[in-house]
Amino acid sequence: RTFNSYAVGWFRQAPGKEREFVAAIS
């Protein structure tokens, strides 16, 4: 689908750690 109706976020997960928020864009 076209991407221009989605908000997007980046997350990361390091070994042995929970996934965490990095950045988001409208």
PDB file of all heavy atoms in Angstrom:
ATOM      1  N   ARG A   1       0.855  -1.172   0.000  1.00  0.00           N
ATOM      2  CA  ARG A   1       0.000   0.000   0.000  1.00  0.00           C
ATOM      3  C   ARG A   1       0.895   1.227   0.000  1.00  0.00           C
ATOM      4  O   ARG A   1       2.048   1.160   0.395  1.00  0.00           O
ATOM      5  CB  ARG A   1      -0.908   0.025   1.235  1.00  0.00           C
ATOM      6  CG  ARG A   1      -1.988  -1.034   1.255  1.00  0.00           C
ATOM      7  CD  ARG A   1      -2.990  -0.776   2.353  1.00  0.00           C
ATOM      8  NE  ARG A   1      -3.680   0.498   2.197  1.00  0.00           N
ATOM      9  CZ  ARG A   1      -4.605   0.943   3.026  1.00  0.00           C
ATOM     10  NH1 ARG A   1      -4.939   0.230   4.097  1.00  0.00           N
ATOM     11  NH2 ARG A   1      -5.202   2.099   2.836  1.00  0.00           N
ATOM     12  N   THR A   2       0.351   2.349  -0.419  1.00  0.00           N
ATOM     13  CA  THR A   2       1.157   3.564  -0.369  1.00  0.00           C
ATOM     14  C   THR A   2       1.440   3.926   1.078  1.00  0.00           C
ATOM     15  O   THR A   2       0.625   3.715   1.970  1.00  0.00           O
ATOM     16  CB  THR A   2       0.445   4.729  -1.067  1.00  0.00           C
ATOM     17  OG1 THR A   2      -0.837   4.897  -0.452  1.00  0.00           O
ATOM     18  CG2 THR A   2       0.266   4.448  -2.538  1.00  0.00           C
ATOM     19  N   PHE A   3       2.617   4.464   1.273  1.00  0.00           N
ATOM     20  CA  PHE A   3       3.138   4.679   2.618  1.00  0.00           C
ATOM     21  C   PHE A   3       2.666   5.990   3.225  1.00  0.00           C
ATOM     22  O   PHE A   3       2.829   6.222   4.411  1.00  0.00           O
ATOM     23  CB  PHE A   3       4.663   4.667   2.545  1.00  0.00           C
ATOM     24  CG  PHE A   3       5.341   4.077   3.730  1.00  0.00           C
ATOM     25  CD1 PHE A   3       4.658   3.359   4.691  1.00  0.00           C
ATOM     26  CD2 PHE A   3       6.710   4.242   3.887  1.00  0.00           C
ATOM     27  CE1 PHE A   3       5.295   2.808   5.770  1.00  0.00           C
ATOM     28  CE2 PHE A   3       7.371   3.688   4.970  1.00  0.00           C
ATOM     29  CZ  PHE A   3       6.667   2.964   5.907  1.00  0.00           C
ATOM     30  N   ASN A   4       2.067   6.854   2.406  1.00  0.00           N
ATOM     31  CA  ASN A   4       1.833   8.202   2.892  1.00  0.00           C
ATOM     32  C   ASN A   4       0.628   8.343   3.816  1.00  0.00           C
ATOM     33  O   ASN A   4       0.258   9.458   4.166  1.00  0.00           O
ATOM     34  CB  ASN A   4       1.732   9.194   1.729  1.00  0.00           C
ATOM     35  CG  ASN A   4       0.598   8.857   0.796  1.00  0.00           C
ATOM     36  OD1 ASN A   4      -0.177   7.931   1.047  1.00  0.00           O
ATOM     37  ND2 ASN A   4       0.482   9.605  -0.289  1.00  0.00           N
ATOM     38  N   SER A   5       0.028   7.222   4.216  1.00  0.00           N
ATOM     39  CA  SER A   5      -1.035   7.296   5.216  1.00  0.00           C
ATOM     40  C   SER A   5      -0.647   6.555   6.487  1.00  0.00           C
ATOM     41  O   SER A   5      -1.511   6.254   7.316  1.00  0.00           O
ATOM     42  CB  SER A   5      -2.335   6.723   4.657  1.00  0.00           C
ATOM     43  OG  SER A   5      -2.157   5.375   4.285  1.00  0.00           O
ATOM     44  N   TYR A   6       0.645   6.290   6.665  1.00  0.00           N
ATOM     45  CA  TYR A   6       1.121   5.564   7.828  1.00  0.00           C
ATOM     46  C   TYR A   6       2.087   6.406   8.644  1.00  0.00           C
ATOM     47  O   TYR A   6       3.005   7.014   8.098  1.00  0.00           O
ATOM     48  CB  TYR A   6       1.841   4.280   7.408  1.00  0.00           C
ATOM     49  CG  TYR A   6       0.939   3.209   6.846  1.00  0.00           C
ATOM     50  CD1 TYR A   6       0.613   3.201   5.495  1.00  0.00           C
ATOM     51  CD2 TYR A   6       0.409   2.229   7.660  1.00  0.00           C
ATOM     52  CE1 TYR A   6      -0.222   2.231   4.981  1.00  0.00           C
ATOM     53  CE2 TYR A   6      -0.418   1.242   7.154  1.00  0.00           C
ATOM     54  CZ  TYR A   6      -0.731   1.247   5.814  1.00  0.00           C
ATOM     55  OH  TYR A   6      -1.552   0.286   5.299  1.00  0.00           O
ATOM     56  N   ALA A   7       1.895   6.410   9.957  1.00  0.00           N
ATOM     57  CA  ALA A   7       2.928   6.902  10.857  1.00  0.00           C
ATOM     58  C   ALA A   7       3.929   5.771  11.050  1.00  0.00           C
ATOM     59  O   ALA A   7       3.547   4.595  11.064  1.00  0.00           O
ATOM     60  CB  ALA A   7       2.324   7.314  12.190  1.00  0.00           C
ATOM     61  N   VAL A   8       5.190   6.118  11.166  1.00  0.00           N
ATOM     62  CA  VAL A   8       6.244   5.101  11.214  1.00  0.00           C
ATOM     63  C   VAL A   8       7.153   5.350  12.412  1.00  0.00           C
ATOM     64  O   VAL A   8       7.441   6.499  12.770  1.00  0.00           O
ATOM     65  CB  VAL A   8       7.068   5.125   9.914  1.00  0.00           C
ATOM     66  CG1 VAL A   8       8.239   4.155   9.991  1.00  0.00           C
ATOM     67  CG2 VAL A   8       6.172   4.780   8.725  1.00  0.00           C
ATOM     68  N   GLY A   9       7.594   4.272  12.999  1.00  0.00           N
ATOM     69  CA  GLY A   9       8.541   4.363  14.097  1.00  0.00           C
ATOM     70  C   GLY A   9       9.707   3.421  13.891  1.00  0.00           C
ATOM     71  O   GLY A   9       9.604   2.433  13.170  1.00  0.00           O
ATOM     72  N   TRP A  10      10.835   3.783  14.499  1.00  0.00           N
ATOM     73  CA  TRP A  10      11.996   2.900  14.554  1.00  0.00           C
ATOM     74  C   TRP A  10      12.176   2.460  16.008  1.00  0.00           C
ATOM     75  O   TRP A  10      12.083   3.286  16.930  1.00  0.00           O
ATOM     76  CB  TRP A  10      13.263   3.607  14.090  1.00  0.00           C
ATOM     77  CG  TRP A  10      13.399   3.747  12.608  1.00  0.00           C
ATOM     78  CD1 TRP A  10      13.106   4.845  11.851  1.00  0.00           C
ATOM     79  CD2 TRP A  10      13.894   2.763  11.683  1.00  0.00           C
ATOM     80  NE1 TRP A  10      13.368   4.601  10.530  1.00  0.00           N
ATOM     81  CE2 TRP A  10      13.871   3.322  10.396  1.00  0.00           C
ATOM     82  CE3 TRP A  10      14.366   1.455  11.836  1.00  0.00           C
ATOM     83  CZ2 TRP A  10      14.280   2.636   9.255  1.00  0.00           C
ATOM     84  CZ3 TRP A  10      14.773   0.776  10.701  1.00  0.00           C
ATOM     85  CH2 TRP A  10      14.729   1.360   9.432  1.00  0.00           C
ATOM     86  N   PHE A  11      12.458   1.184  16.170  1.00  0.00           N
ATOM     87  CA  PHE A  11      12.734   0.605  17.470  1.00  0.00           C
ATOM     88  C   PHE A  11      14.023  -0.200  17.367  1.00  0.00           C
ATOM     89  O   PHE A  11      14.469  -0.527  16.261  1.00  0.00           O
ATOM     90  CB  PHE A  11      11.584  -0.312  17.914  1.00  0.00           C
ATOM     91  CG  PHE A  11      10.305   0.422  18.187  1.00  0.00           C
ATOM     92  CD1 PHE A  11       9.482   0.824  17.145  1.00  0.00           C
ATOM     93  CD2 PHE A  11       9.922   0.720  19.479  1.00  0.00           C
ATOM     94  CE1 PHE A  11       8.298   1.521  17.385  1.00  0.00           C
ATOM     95  CE2 PHE A  11       8.738   1.405  19.742  1.00  0.00           C
ATOM     96  CZ  PHE A  11       7.941   1.807  18.686  1.00  0.00           C
ATOM     97  N   ARG A  12      14.607  -0.550  18.498  1.00  0.00           N
ATOM     98  CA  ARG A  12      15.795  -1.395  18.478  1.00  0.00           C
ATOM     99  C   ARG A  12      15.792  -2.335  19.674  1.00  0.00           C
ATOM    100  O   ARG A  12      15.195  -2.034  20.709  1.00  0.00           O
ATOM    101  CB  ARG A  12      17.059  -0.547  18.457  1.00  0.00           C
ATOM    102  CG  ARG A  12      17.314   0.252  19.741  1.00  0.00           C
ATOM    103  CD  ARG A  12      18.524   1.149  19.557  1.00  0.00           C
ATOM    104  NE  ARG A  12      18.812   1.917  20.766  1.00  0.00           N
ATOM    105  CZ  ARG A  12      19.755   2.855  20.838  1.00  0.00           C
ATOM    106  NH1 ARG A  12      20.504   3.146  19.770  1.00  0.00           N
ATOM    107  NH2 ARG A  12      19.962   3.485  21.973  1.00  0.00           N
ATOM    108  N   GLN A  13      16.471  -3.444  19.486  1.00  0.00           N
ATOM    109  CA  GLN A  13      16.583  -4.420  20.559  1.00  0.00           C
ATOM    110  C   GLN A  13      18.011  -4.938  20.613  1.00  0.00           C
ATOM    111  O   GLN A  13      18.490  -5.552  19.649  1.00  0.00           O
ATOM    112  CB  GLN A  13      15.610  -5.576  20.361  1.00  0.00           C
ATOM    113  CG  GLN A  13      15.560  -6.530  21.537  1.00  0.00           C
ATOM    114  CD  GLN A  13      14.392  -7.486  21.473  1.00  0.00           C
ATOM    115  OE1 GLN A  13      13.831  -7.727  20.404  1.00  0.00           O
ATOM    116  NE2 GLN A  13      13.994  -8.022  22.617  1.00  0.00           N
ATOM    117  N   ALA A  14      18.658  -4.677  21.712  1.00  0.00           N
ATOM    118  CA  ALA A  14      20.011  -5.165  21.944  1.00  0.00           C
ATOM    119  C   ALA A  14      19.945  -6.541  22.600  1.00  0.00           C
ATOM    120  O   ALA A  14      18.935  -6.889  23.223  1.00  0.00           O
ATOM    121  CB  ALA A  14      20.766  -4.182  22.839  1.00  0.00           C
ATOM    122  N   PRO A  15      21.006  -7.324  22.486  1.00  0.00           N
ATOM    123  CA  PRO A  15      21.004  -8.664  23.083  1.00  0.00           C
ATOM    124  C   PRO A  15      20.708  -8.607  24.579  1.00  0.00           C
ATOM    125  O   PRO A  15      21.316  -7.824  25.313  1.00  0.00           O
ATOM    126  CB  PRO A  15      22.420  -9.163  22.813  1.00  0.00           C
ATOM    127  CG  PRO A  15      22.859  -8.414  21.616  1.00  0.00           C
ATOM    128  CD  PRO A  15      22.240  -7.052  21.725  1.00  0.00           C
ATOM    129  N   GLY A  16      19.747  -9.419  25.003  1.00  0.00           N
ATOM    130  CA  GLY A  16      19.422  -9.491  26.411  1.00  0.00           C
ATOM    131  C   GLY A  16      18.598  -8.332  26.940  1.00  0.00           C
ATOM    132  O   GLY A  16      18.346  -8.259  28.149  1.00  0.00           O
ATOM    133  N   LYS A  17      18.183  -7.443  26.066  1.00  0.00           N
ATOM    134  CA  LYS A  17      17.394  -6.287  26.506  1.00  0.00           C
ATOM    135  C   LYS A  17      16.045  -6.250  25.796  1.00  0.00           C
ATOM    136  O   LYS A  17      15.843  -6.894  24.764  1.00  0.00           O
ATOM    137  CB  LYS A  17      18.157  -4.993  26.226  1.00  0.00           C
ATOM    138  CG  LYS A  17      19.441  -4.856  27.020  1.00  0.00           C
ATOM    139  CD  LYS A  17      20.052  -3.494  26.817  1.00  0.00           C
ATOM    140  CE  LYS A  17      21.301  -3.316  27.677  1.00  0.00           C
ATOM    141  NZ  LYS A  17      21.907  -1.953  27.501  1.00  0.00           N
ATOM    142  N   GLU A  18      15.132  -5.478  26.367  1.00  0.00           N
ATOM    143  CA  GLU A  18      13.833  -5.312  25.739  1.00  0.00           C
ATOM    144  C   GLU A  18      13.944  -4.346  24.556  1.00  0.00           C
ATOM    145  O   GLU A  18      14.838  -3.508  24.484  1.00  0.00           O
ATOM    146  CB  GLU A  18      12.828  -4.773  26.767  1.00  0.00           C
ATOM    147  CG  GLU A  18      12.526  -5.750  27.886  1.00  0.00           C
ATOM    148  CD  GLU A  18      11.419  -5.258  28.793  1.00  0.00           C
ATOM    149  OE1 GLU A  18      11.003  -4.090  28.651  1.00  0.00           O
ATOM    150  OE2 GLU A  18      10.974  -6.043  29.639  1.00  0.00           O
ATOM    151  N   ARG A  19      12.984  -4.487  23.660  1.00  0.00           N
ATOM    152  CA  ARG A  19      12.948  -3.574  22.532  1.00  0.00           C
ATOM    153  C   ARG A  19      12.600  -2.177  23.024  1.00  0.00           C
ATOM    154  O   ARG A  19      11.742  -2.009  23.895  1.00  0.00           O
ATOM    155  CB  ARG A  19      11.922  -4.060  21.504  1.00  0.00           C
ATOM    156  CG  ARG A  19      11.951  -3.313  20.202  1.00  0.00           C
ATOM    157  CD  ARG A  19      11.386  -4.149  19.061  1.00  0.00           C
ATOM    158  NE  ARG A  19      10.053  -4.638  19.306  1.00  0.00           N
ATOM    159  CZ  ARG A  19       9.422  -5.491  18.503  1.00  0.00           C
ATOM    160  NH1 ARG A  19      10.029  -5.941  17.413  1.00  0.00           N
ATOM    161  NH2 ARG A  19       8.212  -5.895  18.795  1.00  0.00           N
ATOM    162  N   GLU A  20      13.277  -1.169  22.456  1.00  0.00           N
ATOM    163  CA  GLU A  20      13.064   0.196  22.893  1.00  0.00           C
ATOM    164  C   GLU A  20      12.817   1.129  21.717  1.00  0.00           C
ATOM    165  O   GLU A  20      13.271   0.889  20.600  1.00  0.00           O
ATOM    166  CB  GLU A  20      14.279   0.709  23.692  1.00  0.00           C
ATOM    167  CG  GLU A  20      15.546   0.827  22.901  1.00  0.00           C
ATOM    168  CD  GLU A  20      16.682   1.488  23.698  1.00  0.00           C
ATOM    169  OE1 GLU A  20      16.486   1.827  24.864  1.00  0.00           O
ATOM    170  OE2 GLU A  20      17.774   1.654  23.116  1.00  0.00           O
ATOM    171  N   PHE A  21      12.092   2.181  22.009  1.00  0.00           N
ATOM    172  CA  PHE A  21      11.765   3.193  21.014  1.00  0.00           C
ATOM    173  C   PHE A  21      13.012   4.002  20.637  1.00  0.00           C
ATOM    174  O   PHE A  21      13.833   4.335  21.496  1.00  0.00           O
ATOM    175  CB  PHE A  21      10.697   4.124  21.584  1.00  0.00           C
ATOM    176  CG  PHE A  21      10.457   5.355  20.768  1.00  0.00           C
ATOM    177  CD1 PHE A  21       9.685   5.305  19.619  1.00  0.00           C
ATOM    178  CD2 PHE A  21      11.011   6.570  21.145  1.00  0.00           C
ATOM    179  CE1 PHE A  21       9.463   6.451  18.863  1.00  0.00           C
ATOM    180  CE2 PHE A  21      10.795   7.718  20.402  1.00  0.00           C
ATOM    181  CZ  PHE A  21      10.012   7.654  19.255  1.00  0.00           C
ATOM    182  N   VAL A  22      13.119   4.327  19.349  1.00  0.00           N
ATOM    183  CA  VAL A  22      14.223   5.149  18.859  1.00  0.00           C
ATOM    184  C   VAL A  22      13.720   6.474  18.297  1.00  0.00           C
ATOM    185  O   VAL A  22      14.177   7.550  18.701  1.00  0.00           O
ATOM    186  CB  VAL A  22      15.041   4.398  17.795  1.00  0.00           C
ATOM    187  CG1 VAL A  22      16.118   5.303  17.212  1.00  0.00           C
ATOM    188  CG2 VAL A  22      15.644   3.123  18.376  1.00  0.00           C
ATOM    189  N   ALA A  23      12.790   6.401  17.354  1.00  0.00           N
ATOM    190  CA  ALA A  23      12.308   7.623  16.710  1.00  0.00           C
ATOM    191  C   ALA A  23      10.988   7.339  16.007  1.00  0.00           C
ATOM    192  O   ALA A  23      10.686   6.194  15.682  1.00  0.00           O
ATOM    193  CB  ALA A  23      13.332   8.146  15.700  1.00  0.00           C
ATOM    194  N   ALA A  24      10.206   8.405  15.785  1.00  0.00           N
ATOM    195  CA  ALA A  24       8.936   8.264  15.088  1.00  0.00           C
ATOM    196  C   ALA A  24       8.689   9.478  14.208  1.00  0.00           C
ATOM    197  O   ALA A  24       9.215  10.572  14.473  1.00  0.00           O
ATOM    198  CB  ALA A  24       7.787   8.095  16.082  1.00  0.00           C
ATOM    199  N   ILE A  25       7.877   9.263  13.175  1.00  0.00           N
ATOM    200  CA  ILE A  25       7.556  10.342  12.243  1.00  0.00           C
ATOM    201  C   ILE A  25       6.099  10.230  11.844  1.00  0.00           C
ATOM    202  O   ILE A  25       5.573   9.127  11.671  1.00  0.00           O
ATOM    203  CB  ILE A  25       8.496  10.292  11.014  1.00  0.00           C
ATOM    204  CG1 ILE A  25       8.328  11.537  10.142  1.00  0.00           C
ATOM    205  CG2 ILE A  25       8.295   9.013  10.212  1.00  0.00           C
ATOM    206  CD1 ILE A  25       9.447  11.708   9.108  1.00  0.00           C
ATOM    207  N   SER A  26       5.445  11.377  11.721  1.00  0.00           N
ATOM    208  CA  SER A  26       4.047  11.385  11.314  1.00  0.00           C
ATOM    209  C   SER A  26       3.936  11.078   9.823  1.00  0.00           C
ATOM    210  O   SER A  26       4.926  11.121   9.079  1.00  0.00           O
ATOM    211  CB  SER A  26       3.449  12.766  11.586  1.00  0.00           C
ATOM    212  OG  SER A  26       4.157  13.774  10.867  1.00  0.00           O
TER     213      SER A  26
END
